[in-house]
Amino acid sequence: MVHVAICDDSKTERIYLIKALQKFFDDRKEALEIKEFETGPHLIGSIENGSIFDLIFLDVLMHGLDGIETAQRIRRLNATVPIAFLTVSPDYALESYDVFACGYLLKPIDWTRFELLMNRIIADRERASRSLAVRRGGQIQRIPYEAIIYVESHANKLIINDRRAEKIETYGKLDDLEKQLDDGRFLRCHQSYLVNMDHIVAAEEDFTVSTGARVPIKVRTRKAIRDAYFMYISAERR
């Protein structure tokens, strides 16, 4: 079951989007539940009361609290739920980056653009479900790719730093782990470090990640590594 929220003060626009969503998920043979909201505060209140959504569509221009402000408040409650904006002008696309929006759709909604956006959102969801199997003692532990912030290597020991601030130690070589992950979000930024670019919050002489830790960048190839990171985030935001 896919849970979708639509927040738009236009009933007509909500109906059109509902029909598009129903067609898309019917074609995929996936169950769908949609909740409609006319204002940002109503949506926020629903989330505060425990509603969990797999995807949120937000109209940018709404009476009272607009879509950007609503998204900012949602991000304080849920940092990862995909948010797509509905707008009459592409001028708001840049503002959507500040709340890590997964995309935006121009009104009136074009089916081809809608389908492209939805396919990308589904691909991101499937990508987020991937996990790494590591051996700890006599047990195998699975760590979701999205939970890995960075990995550091010391001799033959690998230390996986995850988003719970836990350090998971296992034995192996960073070269082998990099090949095993085989995922575009991971960047080899140093001989002894592999970083998940989704968790980078600042790129200076070193990377700063979401936990506040600093991950070193190899000095000789610093420009190339930073360029690779900027290319990655630019592609993610298209």
C-alpha atoms as a PDB file:
ATOM      1  CA  MET A   1       0.000   0.000   0.000  1.00  0.00           C
ATOM      2  CA  VAL A   2       1.359   3.388  -1.042  1.00  0.00           C
ATOM      3  CA  HIS A   3       0.199   6.314   1.122  1.00  0.00           C
ATOM      4  CA  VAL A   4       0.058   9.685  -0.651  1.00  0.00           C
ATOM      5  CA  ALA A   5      -0.931  13.127   0.670  1.00  0.00           C
ATOM      6  CA  ILE A   6      -2.150  15.910  -1.619  1.00  0.00           C
ATOM      7  CA  CYS A   7      -2.243  19.409  -0.189  1.00  0.00           C
ATOM      8  CA  ASP A   8      -3.837  21.922  -2.557  1.00  0.00           C
ATOM      9  CA  ASP A   9      -6.564  24.486  -1.902  1.00  0.00           C
ATOM     10  CA  SER A  10      -8.064  23.801  -5.337  1.00  0.00           C
ATOM     11  CA  LYS A  11     -10.502  20.875  -5.369  1.00  0.00           C
ATOM     12  CA  THR A  12     -10.265  20.715  -9.177  1.00  0.00           C
ATOM     13  CA  GLU A  13      -6.462  20.335  -9.072  1.00  0.00           C
ATOM     14  CA  ARG A  14      -6.719  17.660  -6.388  1.00  0.00           C
ATOM     15  CA  ILE A  15      -9.208  15.640  -8.436  1.00  0.00           C
ATOM     16  CA  TYR A  16      -6.973  15.794 -11.516  1.00  0.00           C
ATOM     17  CA  LEU A  17      -3.926  14.646  -9.545  1.00  0.00           C
ATOM     18  CA  ILE A  18      -5.886  11.859  -7.853  1.00  0.00           C
ATOM     19  CA  LYS A  19      -6.921  10.493 -11.249  1.00  0.00           C
ATOM     20  CA  ALA A  20      -3.314  10.625 -12.470  1.00  0.00           C
ATOM     21  CA  LEU A  21      -2.073   8.810  -9.361  1.00  0.00           C
ATOM     22  CA  GLN A  22      -4.780   6.157  -9.624  1.00  0.00           C
ATOM     23  CA  LYS A  23      -3.890   5.481 -13.253  1.00  0.00           C
ATOM     24  CA  PHE A  24      -0.160   5.296 -12.476  1.00  0.00           C
ATOM     25  CA  PHE A  25      -0.516   2.843  -9.577  1.00  0.00           C
ATOM     26  CA  ASP A  26      -3.251   0.819 -11.291  1.00  0.00           C
ATOM     27  CA  ASP A  27      -0.792   0.232 -14.138  1.00  0.00           C
ATOM     28  CA  ARG A  28       1.771  -0.941 -11.565  1.00  0.00           C
ATOM     29  CA  LYS A  29      -0.889  -3.051  -9.798  1.00  0.00           C
ATOM     30  CA  GLU A  30      -0.067  -1.406  -6.458  1.00  0.00           C
ATOM     31  CA  ALA A  31      -2.635  -0.490  -3.820  1.00  0.00           C
ATOM     32  CA  LEU A  32      -2.976   3.240  -3.195  1.00  0.00           C
ATOM     33  CA  GLU A  33      -4.395   5.367  -0.391  1.00  0.00           C
ATOM     34  CA  ILE A  34      -4.724   9.121  -0.882  1.00  0.00           C
ATOM     35  CA  LYS A  35      -5.503  11.738   1.750  1.00  0.00           C
ATOM     36  CA  GLU A  36      -6.542  15.237   0.685  1.00  0.00           C
ATOM     37  CA  PHE A  37      -5.751  18.458   2.536  1.00  0.00           C
ATOM     38  CA  GLU A  38      -6.853  22.008   1.704  1.00  0.00           C
ATOM     39  CA  THR A  39      -4.258  23.794   3.857  1.00  0.00           C
ATOM     40  CA  GLY A  40      -0.706  23.317   5.061  1.00  0.00           C
ATOM     41  CA  PRO A  41      -1.636  23.373   8.778  1.00  0.00           C
ATOM     42  CA  HIS A  42      -4.155  20.543   8.235  1.00  0.00           C
ATOM     43  CA  LEU A  43      -1.460  18.388   6.625  1.00  0.00           C
ATOM     44  CA  ILE A  44       1.095  19.241   9.318  1.00  0.00           C
ATOM     45  CA  GLY A  45      -1.456  18.423  12.030  1.00  0.00           C
ATOM     46  CA  SER A  46      -2.120  15.032  10.453  1.00  0.00           C
ATOM     47  CA  ILE A  47       1.616  14.224  10.443  1.00  0.00           C
ATOM     48  CA  GLU A  48       1.961  15.401  14.051  1.00  0.00           C
ATOM     49  CA  ASN A  49      -0.883  13.040  14.958  1.00  0.00           C
ATOM     50  CA  GLY A  50       0.970  10.067  13.504  1.00  0.00           C
ATOM     51  CA  SER A  51       0.066   9.931   9.802  1.00  0.00           C
ATOM     52  CA  ILE A  52       2.884   8.471   7.720  1.00  0.00           C
ATOM     53  CA  PHE A  53       3.084   9.181   3.999  1.00  0.00           C
ATOM     54  CA  ASP A  54       5.267   7.679   1.292  1.00  0.00           C
ATOM     55  CA  LEU A  55       4.878  10.788  -0.892  1.00  0.00           C
ATOM     56  CA  ILE A  56       3.517  14.307  -0.439  1.00  0.00           C
ATOM     57  CA  PHE A  57       2.317  16.663  -3.164  1.00  0.00           C
ATOM     58  CA  LEU A  58       2.264  20.323  -2.104  1.00  0.00           C
ATOM     59  CA  ASP A  59       0.790  23.278  -3.948  1.00  0.00           C
ATOM     60  CA  VAL A  60       3.231  26.187  -3.723  1.00  0.00           C
ATOM     61  CA  LEU A  61       0.639  28.979  -3.724  1.00  0.00           C
ATOM     62  CA  MET A  62      -1.954  28.354  -1.019  1.00  0.00           C
ATOM     63  CA  HIS A  63      -3.903  30.704   1.210  1.00  0.00           C
ATOM     64  CA  GLY A  64      -2.266  31.220   4.597  1.00  0.00           C
ATOM     65  CA  LEU A  65       0.759  28.960   4.932  1.00  0.00           C
ATOM     66  CA  ASP A  66       2.245  28.471   1.477  1.00  0.00           C
ATOM     67  CA  GLY A  67       3.771  25.253   0.152  1.00  0.00           C
ATOM     68  CA  ILE A  68       7.404  26.163   0.825  1.00  0.00           C
ATOM     69  CA  GLU A  69       6.693  27.086   4.461  1.00  0.00           C
ATOM     70  CA  THR A  70       4.592  23.952   4.872  1.00  0.00           C
ATOM     71  CA  ALA A  71       7.453  21.832   3.529  1.00  0.00           C
ATOM     72  CA  GLN A  72       9.909  23.494   5.916  1.00  0.00           C
ATOM     73  CA  ARG A  73       7.712  22.489   8.857  1.00  0.00           C
ATOM     74  CA  ILE A  74       7.234  18.966   7.503  1.00  0.00           C
ATOM     75  CA  ARG A  75      11.015  18.573   7.265  1.00  0.00           C
ATOM     76  CA  ARG A  76      11.258  19.179  11.024  1.00  0.00           C
ATOM     77  CA  LEU A  77       8.932  16.211  11.516  1.00  0.00           C
ATOM     78  CA  ASN A  78      10.158  13.961   8.712  1.00  0.00           C
ATOM     79  CA  ALA A  79      13.503  14.525   7.001  1.00  0.00           C
ATOM     80  CA  THR A  80      13.137  11.896   4.294  1.00  0.00           C
ATOM     81  CA  VAL A  81       9.563  11.744   2.952  1.00  0.00           C
ATOM     82  CA  PRO A  82       9.561  12.681  -0.772  1.00  0.00           C
ATOM     83  CA  ILE A  83       7.907  16.074  -1.365  1.00  0.00           C
ATOM     84  CA  ALA A  84       6.861  17.155  -4.862  1.00  0.00           C
ATOM     85  CA  PHE A  85       5.640  20.682  -5.527  1.00  0.00           C
ATOM     86  CA  LEU A  86       2.741  21.747  -7.721  1.00  0.00           C
ATOM     87  CA  THR A  87       3.255  25.195  -9.187  1.00  0.00           C
ATOM     88  CA  VAL A  88       2.141  27.506 -11.976  1.00  0.00           C
ATOM     89  CA  SER A  89       5.699  28.779 -12.507  1.00  0.00           C
ATOM     90  CA  PRO A  90       9.141  27.089 -12.646  1.00  0.00           C
ATOM     91  CA  ASP A  91      10.509  30.089 -10.713  1.00  0.00           C
ATOM     92  CA  TYR A  92       9.776  28.218  -7.480  1.00  0.00           C
ATOM     93  CA  ALA A  93      11.987  25.268  -8.413  1.00  0.00           C
ATOM     94  CA  LEU A  94      15.085  26.772  -6.799  1.00  0.00           C
ATOM     95  CA  GLU A  95      13.243  27.369  -3.523  1.00  0.00           C
ATOM     96  CA  SER A  96      12.236  23.706  -3.503  1.00  0.00           C
ATOM     97  CA  TYR A  97      15.917  22.708  -3.167  1.00  0.00           C
ATOM     98  CA  ASP A  98      16.025  24.187   0.333  1.00  0.00           C
ATOM     99  CA  VAL A  99      13.580  21.556   1.586  1.00  0.00           C
ATOM    100  CA  PHE A 100      15.114  18.724  -0.498  1.00  0.00           C
ATOM    101  CA  ALA A 101      12.090  18.371  -2.777  1.00  0.00           C
ATOM    102  CA  CYS A 102      12.112  15.383  -5.120  1.00  0.00           C
ATOM    103  CA  GLY A 103      10.754  17.505  -7.965  1.00  0.00           C
ATOM    104  CA  TYR A 104       7.968  19.786  -9.102  1.00  0.00           C
ATOM    105  CA  LEU A 105       5.117  19.697 -11.594  1.00  0.00           C
ATOM    106  CA  LEU A 106       3.800  22.651 -13.553  1.00  0.00           C
ATOM    107  CA  LYS A 107       0.048  23.205 -13.636  1.00  0.00           C
ATOM    108  CA  PRO A 108      -1.874  22.102 -15.565  1.00  0.00           C
ATOM    109  CA  ILE A 109      -0.205  18.740 -15.005  1.00  0.00           C
ATOM    110  CA  ASP A 110       1.178  17.080 -18.099  1.00  0.00           C
ATOM    111  CA  TRP A 111       0.892  13.269 -17.983  1.00  0.00           C
ATOM    112  CA  THR A 112       4.310  12.651 -19.550  1.00  0.00           C
ATOM    113  CA  ARG A 113       6.092  14.858 -17.005  1.00  0.00           C
ATOM    114  CA  PHE A 114       4.015  13.366 -14.188  1.00  0.00           C
ATOM    115  CA  GLU A 115       4.956   9.832 -15.240  1.00  0.00           C
ATOM    116  CA  LEU A 116       8.659  10.723 -15.489  1.00  0.00           C
ATOM    117  CA  LEU A 117       8.596  12.213 -11.984  1.00  0.00           C
ATOM    118  CA  MET A 118       6.734   9.232 -10.524  1.00  0.00           C
ATOM    119  CA  ASN A 119       9.092   6.737 -12.161  1.00  0.00           C
ATOM    120  CA  ARG A 120      12.042   8.588 -10.638  1.00  0.00           C
ATOM    121  CA  ILE A 121      10.393   8.644  -7.192  1.00  0.00           C
ATOM    122  CA  ILE A 122       9.686   4.893  -7.388  1.00  0.00           C
ATOM    123  CA  ALA A 123      13.261   4.211  -8.512  1.00  0.00           C
ATOM    124  CA  ASP A 124      14.570   6.249  -5.575  1.00  0.00           C
ATOM    125  CA  ARG A 125      12.327   4.297  -3.204  1.00  0.00           C
ATOM    126  CA  GLU A 126      13.608   0.976  -4.513  1.00  0.00           C
ATOM    127  CA  ARG A 127      17.156   2.269  -4.386  1.00  0.00           C
ATOM    128  CA  ALA A 128      16.679   3.309  -0.755  1.00  0.00           C
ATOM    129  CA  SER A 129      15.667  -0.240   0.159  1.00  0.00           C
ATOM    130  CA  ARG A 130      19.090  -1.695  -0.768  1.00  0.00           C
ATOM    131  CA  SER A 131      21.228  -2.920   2.113  1.00  0.00           C
ATOM    132  CA  LEU A 132      24.751  -4.091   2.908  1.00  0.00           C
ATOM    133  CA  ALA A 133      25.306  -7.440   4.629  1.00  0.00           C
ATOM    134  CA  VAL A 134      28.232  -7.429   7.079  1.00  0.00           C
ATOM    135  CA  ARG A 135      29.526 -10.128   9.380  1.00  0.00           C
ATOM    136  CA  ARG A 136      29.777  -9.198  13.059  1.00  0.00           C
ATOM    137  CA  GLY A 137      31.131 -12.057  15.096  1.00  0.00           C
ATOM    138  CA  GLY A 138      29.106 -15.082  14.106  1.00  0.00           C
ATOM    139  CA  GLN A 139      26.125 -13.128  12.797  1.00  0.00           C
ATOM    140  CA  ILE A 140      25.175 -11.339   9.590  1.00  0.00           C
ATOM    141  CA  GLN A 141      23.811  -7.819   9.993  1.00  0.00           C
ATOM    142  CA  ARG A 142      22.100  -5.848   7.225  1.00  0.00           C
ATOM    143  CA  ILE A 143      22.625  -2.082   7.051  1.00  0.00           C
ATOM    144  CA  PRO A 144      20.432  -0.061   4.659  1.00  0.00           C
ATOM    145  CA  TYR A 145      22.546   1.882   2.178  1.00  0.00           C
ATOM    146  CA  GLU A 146      20.717   5.062   3.140  1.00  0.00           C
ATOM    147  CA  ALA A 147      21.775   4.578   6.781  1.00  0.00           C
ATOM    148  CA  ILE A 148      25.501   4.417   5.974  1.00  0.00           C
ATOM    149  CA  ILE A 149      27.077   7.849   6.398  1.00  0.00           C
ATOM    150  CA  TYR A 150      30.709   6.978   5.765  1.00  0.00           C
ATOM    151  CA  VAL A 151      33.140   4.105   6.061  1.00  0.00           C
ATOM    152  CA  GLU A 152      36.698   4.363   7.297  1.00  0.00           C
ATOM    153  CA  SER A 153      39.444   1.792   6.888  1.00  0.00           C
ATOM    154  CA  HIS A 154      42.284   0.966   9.291  1.00  0.00           C
ATOM    155  CA  ALA A 155      44.540  -1.879   8.164  1.00  0.00           C
ATOM    156  CA  ASN A 156      42.095  -4.734   7.515  1.00  0.00           C
ATOM    157  CA  LYS A 157      39.336  -3.315   9.696  1.00  0.00           C
ATOM    158  CA  LEU A 158      36.354  -1.399   8.309  1.00  0.00           C
ATOM    159  CA  ILE A 159      34.375   0.966  10.535  1.00  0.00           C
ATOM    160  CA  ILE A 160      30.903   1.735   9.188  1.00  0.00           C
ATOM    161  CA  ASN A 161      29.447   4.916  10.668  1.00  0.00           C
ATOM    162  CA  ASP A 162      25.672   4.892  10.435  1.00  0.00           C
ATOM    163  CA  ARG A 163      22.991   7.528  11.040  1.00  0.00           C
ATOM    164  CA  ARG A 164      22.338   6.265  14.579  1.00  0.00           C
ATOM    165  CA  ALA A 165      25.900   7.372  15.399  1.00  0.00           C
ATOM    166  CA  GLU A 166      26.786   3.695  15.791  1.00  0.00           C
ATOM    167  CA  LYS A 167      30.164   2.393  14.657  1.00  0.00           C
ATOM    168  CA  ILE A 168      29.895  -1.063  13.149  1.00  0.00           C
ATOM    169  CA  GLU A 169      33.226  -2.836  12.865  1.00  0.00           C
ATOM    170  CA  THR A 170      33.957  -5.623  10.429  1.00  0.00           C
ATOM    171  CA  TYR A 171      36.997  -7.023   8.639  1.00  0.00           C
ATOM    172  CA  GLY A 172      37.790  -6.438   4.993  1.00  0.00           C
ATOM    173  CA  LYS A 173      39.316  -4.083   2.457  1.00  0.00           C
ATOM    174  CA  LEU A 174      37.783  -0.773   1.457  1.00  0.00           C
ATOM    175  CA  ASP A 175      38.453  -1.537  -2.222  1.00  0.00           C
ATOM    176  CA  ASP A 176      36.353  -4.700  -1.954  1.00  0.00           C
ATOM    177  CA  LEU A 177      33.571  -2.917  -0.057  1.00  0.00           C
ATOM    178  CA  GLU A 178      33.437  -0.162  -2.672  1.00  0.00           C
ATOM    179  CA  LYS A 179      32.937  -2.766  -5.416  1.00  0.00           C
ATOM    180  CA  GLN A 180      30.332  -4.563  -3.330  1.00  0.00           C
ATOM    181  CA  LEU A 181      28.289  -1.398  -2.782  1.00  0.00           C
ATOM    182  CA  ASP A 182      28.390  -0.467  -6.491  1.00  0.00           C
ATOM    183  CA  ASP A 183      26.078   2.496  -5.923  1.00  0.00           C
ATOM    184  CA  GLY A 184      26.416   6.027  -7.261  1.00  0.00           C
ATOM    185  CA  ARG A 185      25.754   7.681  -3.927  1.00  0.00           C
ATOM    186  CA  PHE A 186      29.062   6.426  -2.462  1.00  0.00           C
ATOM    187  CA  LEU A 187      32.211   8.422  -3.236  1.00  0.00           C
ATOM    188  CA  ARG A 188      35.774   7.301  -2.532  1.00  0.00           C
ATOM    189  CA  CYS A 189      37.070  10.616  -1.242  1.00  0.00           C
ATOM    190  CA  HIS A 190      40.266   9.348   0.378  1.00  0.00           C
ATOM    191  CA  GLN A 191      42.392   6.214   0.377  1.00  0.00           C
ATOM    192  CA  SER A 192      40.849   5.283   3.730  1.00  0.00           C
ATOM    193  CA  TYR A 193      37.361   6.797   3.449  1.00  0.00           C
ATOM    194  CA  LEU A 194      34.165   6.173   1.501  1.00  0.00           C
ATOM    195  CA  VAL A 195      31.336   8.681   2.001  1.00  0.00           C
ATOM    196  CA  ASN A 196      27.607   8.564   1.269  1.00  0.00           C
ATOM    197  CA  MET A 197      27.015  11.801  -0.660  1.00  0.00           C
ATOM    198  CA  ASP A 198      23.366  11.900   0.455  1.00  0.00           C
ATOM    199  CA  HIS A 199      24.654  12.685   3.964  1.00  0.00           C
ATOM    200  CA  ILE A 200      27.109  15.447   3.024  1.00  0.00           C
ATOM    201  CA  VAL A 201      26.019  18.860   4.337  1.00  0.00           C
ATOM    202  CA  ALA A 202      29.127  20.899   3.446  1.00  0.00           C
ATOM    203  CA  ALA A 203      32.038  20.500   1.036  1.00  0.00           C
ATOM    204  CA  GLU A 204      35.112  22.502   1.931  1.00  0.00           C
ATOM    205  CA  GLU A 205      38.658  21.218   2.501  1.00  0.00           C
ATOM    206  CA  ASP A 206      36.924  18.183   3.993  1.00  0.00           C
ATOM    207  CA  PHE A 207      33.346  16.939   3.802  1.00  0.00           C
ATOM    208  CA  THR A 208      31.047  17.606   6.751  1.00  0.00           C
ATOM    209  CA  VAL A 209      28.330  14.967   7.110  1.00  0.00           C
ATOM    210  CA  SER A 210      24.920  15.000   8.771  1.00  0.00           C
ATOM    211  CA  THR A 211      26.268  13.846  12.151  1.00  0.00           C
ATOM    212  CA  GLY A 212      28.725  16.766  12.221  1.00  0.00           C
ATOM    213  CA  ALA A 213      31.736  14.526  11.620  1.00  0.00           C
ATOM    214  CA  ARG A 214      34.399  15.605   9.128  1.00  0.00           C
ATOM    215  CA  VAL A 215      35.446  13.169   6.419  1.00  0.00           C
ATOM    216  CA  PRO A 216      38.813  13.920   4.802  1.00  0.00           C
ATOM    217  CA  ILE A 217      39.215  14.550   1.081  1.00  0.00           C
ATOM    218  CA  LYS A 218      42.435  13.416  -0.601  1.00  0.00           C
ATOM    219  CA  VAL A 219      44.493  16.571  -1.110  1.00  0.00           C
ATOM    220  CA  ARG A 220      45.938  15.708  -4.532  1.00  0.00           C
ATOM    221  CA  THR A 221      42.528  15.037  -6.060  1.00  0.00           C
ATOM    222  CA  ARG A 222      40.431  17.432  -3.959  1.00  0.00           C
ATOM    223  CA  LYS A 223      39.077  19.396  -6.921  1.00  0.00           C
ATOM    224  CA  ALA A 224      38.034  16.265  -8.842  1.00  0.00           C
ATOM    225  CA  ILE A 225      36.370  14.787  -5.768  1.00  0.00           C
ATOM    226  CA  ARG A 226      34.476  17.983  -4.971  1.00  0.00           C
ATOM    227  CA  ASP A 227      33.435  18.251  -8.636  1.00  0.00           C
ATOM    228  CA  ALA A 228      32.120  14.664  -8.524  1.00  0.00           C
ATOM    229  CA  TYR A 229      30.050  15.554  -5.460  1.00  0.00           C
ATOM    230  CA  PHE A 230      28.612  18.708  -7.040  1.00  0.00           C
ATOM    231  CA  MET A 231      27.741  16.795 -10.211  1.00  0.00           C
ATOM    232  CA  TYR A 232      25.948  14.180  -8.098  1.00  0.00           C
ATOM    233  CA  ILE A 233      23.793  16.649  -6.177  1.00  0.00           C
ATOM    234  CA  SER A 234      23.022  18.600  -9.343  1.00  0.00           C
ATOM    235  CA  ALA A 235      21.789  15.435 -11.048  1.00  0.00           C
ATOM    236  CA  GLU A 236      19.724  14.459  -7.995  1.00  0.00           C
ATOM    237  CA  ARG A 237      17.889  17.798  -8.035  1.00  0.00           C
ATOM    238  CA  ARG A 238      16.903  17.800 -11.703  1.00  0.00           C
END
